[in-house]
Protein backbone atom coordinates (compact mmCIF):
# COMPACT_ATOMS: atom_id res chain seq x y z
CA MET A 1 104.41 65.51 7.22
CA THR A 2 102.90 67.62 4.48
CA LYS A 3 104.70 70.25 2.51
CA GLN A 4 102.78 72.98 4.34
CA GLY A 5 103.67 71.43 7.69
CA LYS A 6 107.37 71.39 6.77
CA THR A 7 107.18 75.04 5.69
CA VAL A 8 105.55 76.04 8.97
CA LEU A 9 108.19 74.07 10.91
CA ILE A 10 111.03 75.76 9.00
CA ILE A 11 109.49 79.19 9.58
CA ALA A 12 109.13 78.41 13.31
CA ILE A 13 112.77 77.28 13.56
CA VAL A 14 114.06 80.35 11.68
CA GLY A 15 111.88 82.62 13.83
CA ALA A 16 113.17 81.02 17.03
CA CYS A 17 116.75 81.46 15.83
CA CYS A 18 116.10 85.14 15.04
CA VAL A 19 114.56 85.71 18.48
CA ALA A 20 117.53 83.95 20.12
CA GLY A 21 119.97 86.06 18.05
CA VAL A 22 118.25 89.31 18.94
CA THR A 23 118.16 88.27 22.60
CA LEU A 24 121.88 87.49 22.51
CA ILE A 25 122.64 90.88 20.91
CA LEU A 26 120.58 92.66 23.58
CA ILE A 27 122.36 90.79 26.37
CA LEU A 28 125.79 91.59 24.92
CA SER A 29 124.79 95.24 24.48
CA ALA A 30 123.61 95.45 28.07
CA ILE A 31 127.01 94.19 29.19
CA ALA A 32 129.17 96.26 26.81
CA ILE A 33 127.45 99.68 26.73
CA PRO A 34 128.06 100.64 30.40
CA GLY A 35 131.75 99.79 29.99
CA VAL A 36 132.02 101.92 26.87
CA GLN A 37 130.22 104.81 28.59
CA ALA A 38 132.53 104.57 31.61
CA GLN A 39 135.57 104.69 29.33
CA LYS A 40 134.15 107.75 27.55
CA LEU A 41 133.62 109.53 30.88
CA LYS A 42 137.16 108.71 31.98
CA GLY A 43 138.50 109.92 28.61
CA ASN A 44 136.59 113.22 28.95
CA GLU A 45 137.95 113.69 32.47
CA VAL A 46 141.55 113.06 31.44
CA ALA A 47 141.23 115.38 28.43
CA ALA A 48 139.61 118.11 30.55
CA LEU A 49 142.31 117.78 33.20
CA ASN A 50 145.04 118.06 30.56
CA ALA A 51 143.32 121.12 29.07
CA LEU A 52 143.14 122.67 32.54
CA ARG A 53 146.87 122.10 32.99
CA ASP A 54 147.54 123.61 29.56
CA ILE A 55 145.47 126.70 30.36
CA ASN A 56 147.34 127.08 33.64
CA ILE A 57 150.69 126.88 31.83
CA GLU A 58 149.51 129.44 29.24
CA GLU A 59 148.43 131.73 32.10
CA GLN A 60 152.03 131.67 33.33
CA LEU A 61 153.25 132.49 29.81
CA TYR A 62 150.67 135.28 29.50
CA ASN A 63 151.86 136.72 32.83
CA SER A 64 155.49 136.75 31.69
CA THR A 65 154.61 138.11 28.22
CA TYR A 66 152.31 140.88 29.51
CA PRO A 67 153.63 141.61 33.03
CA GLN A 68 151.82 144.95 33.12
CA HIS A 69 148.50 143.00 32.91
CA GLY A 70 149.43 140.07 35.15
CA PHE A 71 147.28 137.02 34.44
CA ALA A 72 144.45 136.83 31.93
CA CYS A 73 141.00 136.98 33.49
CA SER A 74 139.20 135.42 30.52
CA LEU A 75 139.71 132.52 28.18
CA SER A 76 139.16 134.85 25.23
CA ALA A 77 142.21 136.87 26.28
CA LEU A 78 144.26 133.67 26.14
CA GLY A 79 142.72 132.77 22.76
CA GLY A 80 142.47 134.66 19.52
CA SER A 81 143.00 133.86 15.88
CA ARG A 82 146.48 133.81 14.41
CA GLN A 83 145.00 135.11 11.14
CA SER A 84 143.84 138.33 12.83
CA GLY A 85 147.35 139.71 13.22
CA PRO A 86 149.91 139.78 16.01
CA ALA A 87 149.07 138.64 19.52
CA THR A 88 147.81 141.24 22.00
CA PRO A 89 146.88 141.19 25.70
CA GLU A 90 143.22 140.92 24.60
CA ALA A 91 143.92 138.02 22.20
CA ALA A 92 147.23 136.42 23.15
CA GLN A 93 146.78 133.41 20.81
CA LEU A 94 148.02 130.98 23.46
CA ILE A 95 145.11 128.50 23.43
CA GLU A 96 143.04 127.08 20.59
CA PRO A 97 139.74 128.81 19.69
CA ASP A 98 137.57 125.88 20.77
CA LEU A 99 139.11 125.92 24.23
CA ALA A 100 138.93 129.72 24.34
CA SER A 101 135.16 129.37 23.74
CA GLY A 102 134.95 127.67 27.14
CA HIS A 103 133.57 124.31 25.95
CA LYS A 104 135.62 121.25 25.09
CA TYR A 105 135.69 117.52 25.94
CA GLY A 106 132.20 117.71 27.49
CA TYR A 107 133.39 120.30 30.02
CA THR A 108 132.86 124.02 30.59
CA PHE A 109 136.03 125.98 31.39
CA THR A 110 135.99 129.36 33.11
CA ILE A 111 138.38 131.83 34.71
CA SER A 112 136.94 133.67 37.71
CA ASN A 113 137.78 135.22 41.08
CA CYS A 114 140.42 137.44 39.52
CA LEU A 115 142.14 139.61 42.10
CA LYS A 116 143.30 142.90 40.64
CA VAL A 117 145.71 145.35 42.18
CA THR A 118 146.66 148.76 40.87
CA ILE A 119 150.36 149.42 40.49
CA LYS A 120 151.49 152.78 39.10
CA GLY A 121 147.98 153.42 37.77
CA GLN A 122 147.83 150.06 35.94
CA ASP A 123 145.38 147.28 36.95
CA MET A 124 147.16 143.95 37.18
CA VAL A 125 145.58 140.54 37.87
CA ILE A 126 147.62 138.72 40.52
CA SER A 127 145.42 135.66 41.12
CA TYR A 128 142.60 133.69 39.51
CA LYS A 129 140.53 130.52 39.78
CA LEU A 130 140.29 128.26 36.76
CA THR A 131 137.46 125.71 36.69
CA ALA A 132 136.39 122.81 34.50
CA VAL A 133 132.97 121.28 35.20
CA PRO A 134 131.09 118.61 33.26
CA ASP A 135 128.55 120.05 30.79
CA MET A 136 125.99 117.29 31.32
CA GLY A 137 126.51 116.18 34.90
CA ASP A 138 127.55 112.56 35.12
CA LYS A 139 127.04 112.02 31.38
CA SER A 140 130.18 113.91 30.29
CA GLY A 141 132.33 113.53 33.42
CA GLU A 142 132.06 112.88 37.12
CA ARG A 143 134.62 115.26 38.62
CA GLY A 144 134.91 119.02 38.53
CA TYR A 145 138.43 120.48 38.51
CA CYS A 146 139.85 123.76 39.82
CA ALA A 147 143.28 125.35 39.51
CA ASN A 148 144.91 128.60 40.54
CA GLU A 149 147.92 130.77 39.77
CA ASN A 150 150.10 128.55 41.99
CA MET A 151 149.40 125.61 39.63
CA ASP A 152 147.56 123.73 42.41
CA ILE A 153 144.91 121.47 40.91
CA ARG A 154 142.05 120.24 43.09
CA PHE A 155 138.89 118.33 42.29
CA ASP A 156 135.27 118.09 43.32
CA PRO A 157 134.12 114.44 43.18
CA LYS A 158 130.53 115.65 42.73
CA GLY A 159 131.34 117.49 39.48
CA GLY A 160 131.05 121.05 40.75
CA THR A 161 133.45 123.82 41.70
CA ASN A 162 133.71 122.95 45.39
CA CYS A 163 137.22 121.64 44.79
CA GLU A 164 138.67 120.72 48.17
CA GLU A 165 140.59 117.54 47.38
CA LEU A 166 144.12 118.06 46.08
CA LEU A 167 144.79 116.11 42.92
CA PRO A 168 147.84 113.91 43.42
CA PHE A 169 150.77 114.80 41.19
CA VAL A 170 151.15 112.37 38.31
CA PRO A 171 154.28 112.93 36.18
């Protein structure tokens, strides 16, 4: 075999090895990436559920701190910067600013369906619906979550706010 023939053979062998290596990497990626994505979705869901529970607990604290207002009807009322001075009913400083913005962990959080009653000329919120829905459909989470002033947490397996299934209590 000539020197040129040996060089061509070596180049062919190295090329075949590179193609085999790239193929192996692509196969491993195809196996690993869906598992990593599923774990990320599950992590987002758990974090969103924990944030929903935290907001619900802070609603109870808000209600006991500002009984003349009842519950907060906005995340911004539960939020607020500690550098801006003392807490107020409009900025109670109970949740972190990123959560008070309504977006965290790939979920959108909202407080809605606030029922107000007037007692001695003062409007007071006596009930609310708290929701957490995935920002990007099934790319940031699969379930939507809902809670209320009774601390009941339900979920929508389709990712919306049609929360009819009661979430089992997990200590």
